[in-house]
Amino acid sequence: MEIFVTGGTGLIGTSVVAELIASGHAVLGLARSDVSANALASAGAEPVRGSLTDLEVLRASAERADGVLHLAFSNDFSSEGALTAGVEEEAAALAAMGDALIGTHRPLVTSSGTPAVPGRPATESDPLSEIGPVGGRSRAVRRVLELSSQGVRSASVRLPRTVHNNGDGGFAGMLTSIARQSRVSGYPGDGSQRWPAVHALDAAVLFRLVLENAPAGHAWHAVADEGDAVRDIAAVIGDRLDVPVESVDPQIYGPLGEIFSIDQPASSAHTREMLGWTPQHPSLLPDLGNIRP
């Protein structure tokens, strides 16, 4: 298949593009800069110049391709306004690509986060919350899945709070960046809340499996580690950076403080059984050992 990929040069997208090409697929990659275009070309993909705001480019690329895989997001968490703008931008982009695929029975695979369910690990059948800082993303994902009734093989791959590779990426990567700046490896509250995780290379395999084989209208969990306590994550970061490990006020994390504080383990038992997905790469805590001191 020829797959149109957005976000193909990020930590996750780089692994996804490599996995698709290695498995015999052709890749069209959205590139908003010369640097991104060159990276995609070097990986063996065909760059398509544009951004998530270029809706006509998105529509035309979706119409051309045999399927669409959406990974791009603004990743500006500096303020609630910036986060809201990024959510709205993504929703419009997904709507444009989804409209282009109606009636084609081609796959449209988007990404989202795993939900938080009080008292137990979240499963694939649990709905995403449509309230709070990123509720708009959940509504956009729901609309994508609803396209299954309009001839789109739509699906959502729910990513855990940390998608990592060589100690970098996700919420744990944010904690590392903050620890480098503040010289304290912090965690919100008592740090007992759990974050699920997956290695980027394992997540890439699941994205490919969903594109190739998944039935329409379903969500899948790219979860390898059901949940590590945040204080344990912070402890490894503190050890690698040789800084103290302390509880901190969640407000220092800005609009993500509320999300950082929630216990949010997740299961992927259904995904593994139905799609034959088996994570092969290092878990989060060992992989954090690769953090550069």
Protein backbone atom coordinates (compact mmCIF):
# COMPACT_ATOMS: atom_id res chain seq x y z
CA MET A 1 0.00 0.00 0.00
CA GLU A 2 0.94 3.65 -0.39
CA ILE A 3 0.39 5.27 3.02
CA PHE A 4 0.11 9.01 3.68
CA VAL A 5 1.73 9.70 7.07
CA THR A 6 1.56 12.91 9.09
CA GLY A 7 4.13 13.41 11.84
CA GLY A 8 6.56 11.07 10.13
CA THR A 9 9.74 12.71 11.45
CA GLY A 10 9.00 12.66 15.18
CA LEU A 11 10.21 10.03 17.65
CA ILE A 12 7.22 7.78 16.91
CA GLY A 13 6.83 8.72 13.26
CA THR A 14 10.44 7.94 12.39
CA SER A 15 9.96 4.41 13.67
CA VAL A 16 6.60 4.06 11.91
CA VAL A 17 7.95 5.19 8.52
CA ALA A 18 10.88 2.77 8.81
CA GLU A 19 8.54 -0.09 9.79
CA LEU A 20 6.17 0.58 6.87
CA ILE A 21 8.96 0.78 4.29
CA ALA A 22 10.70 -2.31 5.66
CA SER A 23 7.39 -4.17 5.31
CA GLY A 24 7.04 -3.26 1.64
CA HIS A 25 4.76 -0.24 1.83
CA ALA A 26 5.39 3.09 0.10
CA VAL A 27 5.15 6.23 2.25
CA LEU A 28 4.05 9.78 1.48
CA GLY A 29 5.17 11.96 4.36
CA LEU A 30 3.83 15.39 5.28
CA ALA A 31 6.78 17.77 5.66
CA ARG A 32 6.43 21.33 6.92
CA SER A 33 10.13 22.20 6.52
CA ASP A 34 13.13 21.43 4.36
CA VAL A 35 14.67 19.56 7.28
CA SER A 36 11.62 17.29 7.57
CA ALA A 37 11.47 16.78 3.81
CA ASN A 38 15.12 15.76 3.69
CA ALA A 39 14.68 13.38 6.63
CA LEU A 40 11.71 11.70 4.96
CA ALA A 41 13.53 11.40 1.65
CA SER A 42 16.57 9.89 3.39
CA ALA A 43 14.28 7.32 5.01
CA GLY A 44 12.91 6.31 1.61
CA ALA A 45 9.62 8.21 1.76
CA GLU A 46 8.21 10.76 -0.68
CA PRO A 47 7.88 14.17 1.02
CA VAL A 48 4.67 16.19 0.62
CA ARG A 49 5.22 19.81 1.58
CA GLY A 50 2.62 21.26 3.93
CA SER A 51 1.36 21.34 7.51
CA LEU A 52 -1.80 20.37 9.39
CA THR A 53 -3.29 23.74 8.47
CA ASP A 54 -2.98 23.03 4.72
CA LEU A 55 -6.31 21.25 4.42
CA GLU A 56 -6.28 20.99 0.61
CA VAL A 57 -2.87 19.31 0.73
CA LEU A 58 -4.20 16.87 3.31
CA ARG A 59 -7.30 16.08 1.25
CA ALA A 60 -5.36 15.57 -1.97
CA SER A 61 -2.79 13.32 -0.28
CA ALA A 62 -5.50 11.24 1.40
CA GLU A 63 -7.32 10.85 -1.91
CA ARG A 64 -4.11 9.70 -3.61
CA ALA A 65 -3.02 7.21 -0.95
CA ASP A 66 -4.25 3.71 -0.16
CA GLY A 67 -4.48 4.66 3.49
CA VAL A 68 -3.72 7.42 6.01
CA LEU A 69 -1.84 7.28 9.29
CA HIS A 70 -2.05 10.42 11.44
CA LEU A 71 0.61 11.14 14.07
CA ALA A 72 1.22 14.89 13.86
CA PHE A 73 0.37 17.30 16.69
CA SER A 74 1.60 20.78 17.55
CA ASN A 75 3.05 19.60 20.91
CA ASP A 76 2.89 23.16 22.26
CA PHE A 77 1.99 22.70 25.93
CA SER A 78 3.20 26.13 27.04
CA SER A 79 -0.31 27.34 27.92
CA GLU A 80 -3.94 26.23 27.86
CA GLY A 81 -4.51 28.50 24.86
CA ALA A 82 -1.68 26.92 22.88
CA LEU A 83 -2.92 23.43 23.76
CA THR A 84 -6.47 24.29 22.72
CA ALA A 85 -5.23 25.72 19.41
CA GLY A 86 -3.29 22.53 18.71
CA VAL A 87 -6.35 20.40 19.45
CA GLU A 88 -8.52 22.46 17.11
CA GLU A 89 -5.89 22.35 14.35
CA GLU A 90 -5.70 18.57 14.58
CA ALA A 91 -9.50 18.16 14.55
CA ALA A 92 -9.79 20.15 11.32
CA ALA A 93 -6.99 18.13 9.72
CA LEU A 94 -8.61 14.81 10.65
CA ALA A 95 -11.96 15.99 9.33
CA ALA A 96 -10.39 16.93 5.98
CA MET A 97 -8.61 13.59 5.57
CA GLY A 98 -11.63 11.64 6.76
CA ASP A 99 -13.95 13.37 4.29
CA ALA A 100 -11.55 12.45 1.47
CA LEU A 101 -11.80 8.75 2.37
CA ILE A 102 -15.57 8.40 2.75
CA GLY A 103 -16.85 5.49 0.69
CA THR A 104 -13.37 4.20 -0.23
CA HIS A 105 -13.07 1.53 2.50
CA ARG A 106 -9.44 2.59 2.89
CA PRO A 107 -7.85 2.77 6.35
CA LEU A 108 -7.62 5.97 8.37
CA VAL A 109 -5.62 5.36 11.53
CA THR A 110 -5.23 8.11 14.08
CA SER A 111 -3.44 8.23 17.41
CA SER A 112 -4.73 9.19 20.83
CA GLY A 113 -3.91 8.56 24.47
CA THR A 114 -5.08 5.76 26.72
CA PRO A 115 -7.92 6.73 29.08
CA ALA A 116 -7.73 6.80 32.87
CA VAL A 117 -10.19 4.52 34.68
CA PRO A 118 -10.42 4.75 38.49
CA GLY A 119 -9.38 1.60 40.29
CA ARG A 120 -8.18 -0.54 37.37
CA PRO A 121 -6.16 -0.53 34.15
CA ALA A 122 -7.98 0.96 31.18
CA THR A 123 -9.00 -1.38 28.37
CA GLU A 124 -9.68 -0.86 24.69
CA SER A 125 -13.44 -0.76 25.33
CA ASP A 126 -13.22 2.15 27.78
CA PRO A 127 -14.21 5.50 26.25
CA LEU A 128 -11.87 8.46 26.14
CA SER A 129 -12.82 11.39 28.33
CA GLU A 130 -14.17 14.30 26.29
CA ILE A 131 -13.71 16.84 29.07
CA GLY A 132 -10.57 18.46 30.43
CA PRO A 133 -7.46 19.89 28.73
CA VAL A 134 -7.39 17.42 25.84
CA GLY A 135 -11.08 16.55 25.61
CA GLY A 136 -11.20 18.02 22.13
CA ARG A 137 -8.75 15.38 20.91
CA SER A 138 -11.04 12.65 22.22
CA ARG A 139 -14.00 14.13 20.36
CA ALA A 140 -11.97 14.24 17.14
CA VAL A 141 -10.97 10.58 17.57
CA ARG A 142 -14.60 9.59 18.19
CA ARG A 143 -15.60 11.28 14.93
CA VAL A 144 -12.87 9.37 13.10
CA LEU A 145 -14.14 6.05 14.47
CA GLU A 146 -17.70 6.98 13.50
CA LEU A 147 -16.54 7.16 9.86
CA SER A 148 -16.64 3.36 9.91
CA SER A 149 -20.36 3.72 9.08
CA GLN A 150 -19.47 5.79 5.99
CA GLY A 151 -17.13 3.40 4.25
CA VAL A 152 -13.84 4.26 6.00
CA ARG A 153 -11.79 1.55 7.73
CA SER A 154 -11.11 3.89 10.61
CA ALA A 155 -9.17 2.98 13.73
CA SER A 156 -7.44 4.57 16.68
CA VAL A 157 -4.14 3.47 18.23
CA ARG A 158 -4.09 4.67 21.81
CA LEU A 159 -0.58 5.51 22.91
CA PRO A 160 0.48 5.40 26.56
CA ARG A 161 1.82 8.38 28.45
CA THR A 162 5.39 7.55 27.48
CA VAL A 163 6.50 6.29 24.07
CA HIS A 164 10.26 5.97 24.44
CA ASN A 165 13.43 5.10 22.60
CA ASN A 166 16.90 5.27 24.16
CA GLY A 167 15.46 6.98 27.22
CA ASP A 168 13.81 9.80 25.31
CA GLY A 169 10.18 10.58 24.58
CA GLY A 170 6.75 11.04 26.15
CA PHE A 171 5.91 12.17 29.66
CA ALA A 172 9.08 10.58 31.06
CA GLY A 173 11.07 12.58 28.51
CA MET A 174 9.35 15.74 29.74
CA LEU A 175 10.32 14.89 33.33
CA THR A 176 13.90 14.42 32.15
CA SER A 177 13.95 17.81 30.37
CA ILE A 178 12.54 19.56 33.44
CA ALA A 179 15.06 17.80 35.69
CA ARG A 180 17.93 18.98 33.48
CA GLN A 181 16.73 22.58 33.80
CA SER A 182 15.71 22.61 37.46
CA ARG A 183 18.39 20.19 38.73
CA VAL A 184 15.65 18.30 40.60
CA SER A 185 13.99 15.11 39.38
CA GLY A 186 10.42 15.84 40.39
CA TYR A 187 7.17 13.93 40.50
CA PRO A 188 3.70 15.28 41.30
CA GLY A 189 2.06 14.33 44.60
CA ASP A 190 3.31 11.18 46.27
CA GLY A 191 4.40 9.68 42.95
CA SER A 192 2.34 6.51 43.36
CA GLN A 193 0.32 7.24 40.21
CA ARG A 194 1.19 4.90 37.36
CA TRP A 195 1.97 5.72 33.74
CA PRO A 196 1.86 3.07 31.00
CA ALA A 197 4.61 2.98 28.39
CA VAL A 198 5.77 1.42 25.12
CA HIS A 199 8.96 1.42 23.09
CA ALA A 200 8.60 3.40 19.85
CA LEU A 201 9.71 0.42 17.74
CA ASP A 202 6.97 -1.76 19.25
CA ALA A 203 4.38 0.97 18.72
CA ALA A 204 5.42 1.19 15.07
CA VAL A 205 4.68 -2.50 14.56
CA LEU A 206 1.19 -2.05 15.99
CA PHE A 207 0.46 0.91 13.71
CA ARG A 208 1.41 -1.27 10.74
CA LEU A 209 -0.75 -4.17 11.91
CA VAL A 210 -3.75 -1.88 12.36
CA LEU A 211 -3.26 -0.35 8.91
CA GLU A 212 -3.01 -3.76 7.29
CA ASN A 213 -5.59 -5.83 9.14
CA ALA A 214 -7.71 -4.13 11.80
CA PRO A 215 -11.50 -4.04 11.38
CA ALA A 216 -13.21 -0.67 11.12
CA GLY A 217 -14.31 1.42 14.05
CA HIS A 218 -12.13 0.07 16.85
CA ALA A 219 -9.52 1.40 19.28
CA TRP A 220 -6.31 -0.50 20.05
CA HIS A 221 -3.82 -0.13 22.90
CA ALA A 222 -0.10 0.24 22.17
CA VAL A 223 0.79 -0.60 25.77
CA ALA A 224 3.81 -2.72 26.70
CA ASP A 225 4.24 -1.67 30.36
CA GLU A 226 0.89 -1.54 32.16
CA GLY A 227 2.06 1.15 34.56
CA ASP A 228 5.22 2.30 36.34
CA ALA A 229 4.95 4.48 39.43
CA VAL A 230 6.01 8.03 38.55
CA ARG A 231 8.31 8.21 41.57
CA ASP A 232 10.15 5.15 40.19
CA ILE A 233 10.51 6.90 36.84
CA ALA A 234 11.78 10.02 38.59
CA ALA A 235 14.23 7.94 40.62
CA VAL A 236 15.89 6.52 37.50
CA ILE A 237 16.05 10.00 35.97
CA GLY A 238 17.55 11.40 39.17
CA ASP A 239 20.16 8.65 39.25
CA ARG A 240 21.18 9.20 35.63
CA LEU A 241 21.39 12.99 36.00
CA ASP A 242 22.81 12.87 39.55
CA VAL A 243 20.14 15.20 40.92
CA PRO A 244 17.84 14.86 43.97
CA VAL A 245 14.43 13.20 43.58
CA GLU A 246 11.55 15.12 45.18
CA SER A 247 7.80 15.59 45.15
CA VAL A 248 6.85 18.87 43.43
CA ASP A 249 3.73 20.98 42.98
CA PRO A 250 1.82 19.74 39.90
CA GLN A 251 1.33 23.38 38.86
CA ILE A 252 4.93 23.51 37.64
CA TYR A 253 3.81 21.31 34.74
CA GLY A 254 1.33 23.93 33.49
CA PRO A 255 -1.73 22.60 31.63
CA LEU A 256 -0.38 19.03 31.91
CA GLY A 257 -0.22 19.11 35.71
CA GLU A 258 -3.70 17.64 36.10
CA ILE A 259 -2.94 14.79 33.68
CA PHE A 260 0.46 14.11 35.26
CA SER A 261 -1.19 13.61 38.67
CA ILE A 262 -3.71 10.94 37.61
CA ASP A 263 -3.23 7.21 38.15
CA GLN A 264 -3.68 5.86 34.63
CA PRO A 265 -2.48 2.27 34.06
CA ALA A 266 -3.67 0.56 30.88
CA SER A 267 -3.91 -2.95 29.47
CA SER A 268 -3.34 -4.19 25.91
CA ALA A 269 -4.58 -7.77 26.39
CA HIS A 270 -7.33 -7.45 23.78
CA THR A 271 -5.00 -5.85 21.23
CA ARG A 272 -2.39 -8.57 21.66
CA GLU A 273 -4.97 -11.34 21.32
CA MET A 274 -6.80 -9.91 18.29
CA LEU A 275 -3.88 -8.56 16.26
CA GLY A 276 -1.05 -10.82 17.38
CA TRP A 277 1.00 -7.89 18.64
CA THR A 278 3.88 -8.84 20.96
CA PRO A 279 6.22 -6.09 22.25
CA GLN A 280 9.88 -7.06 21.83
CA HIS A 281 11.90 -4.03 22.93
CA PRO A 282 13.09 -2.77 26.35
CA SER A 283 10.60 -1.59 28.96
CA LEU A 284 10.63 2.01 30.16
CA LEU A 285 12.73 1.80 33.33
CA PRO A 286 15.61 -0.11 31.70
CA ASP A 287 15.43 2.16 28.66
CA LEU A 288 15.72 5.25 30.89
CA GLY A 289 19.16 3.92 31.72
CA ASN A 290 20.17 5.25 28.28
CA ILE A 291 19.57 8.87 29.34
CA ARG A 292 22.66 10.94 28.68
CA PRO A 293 24.04 12.17 32.07
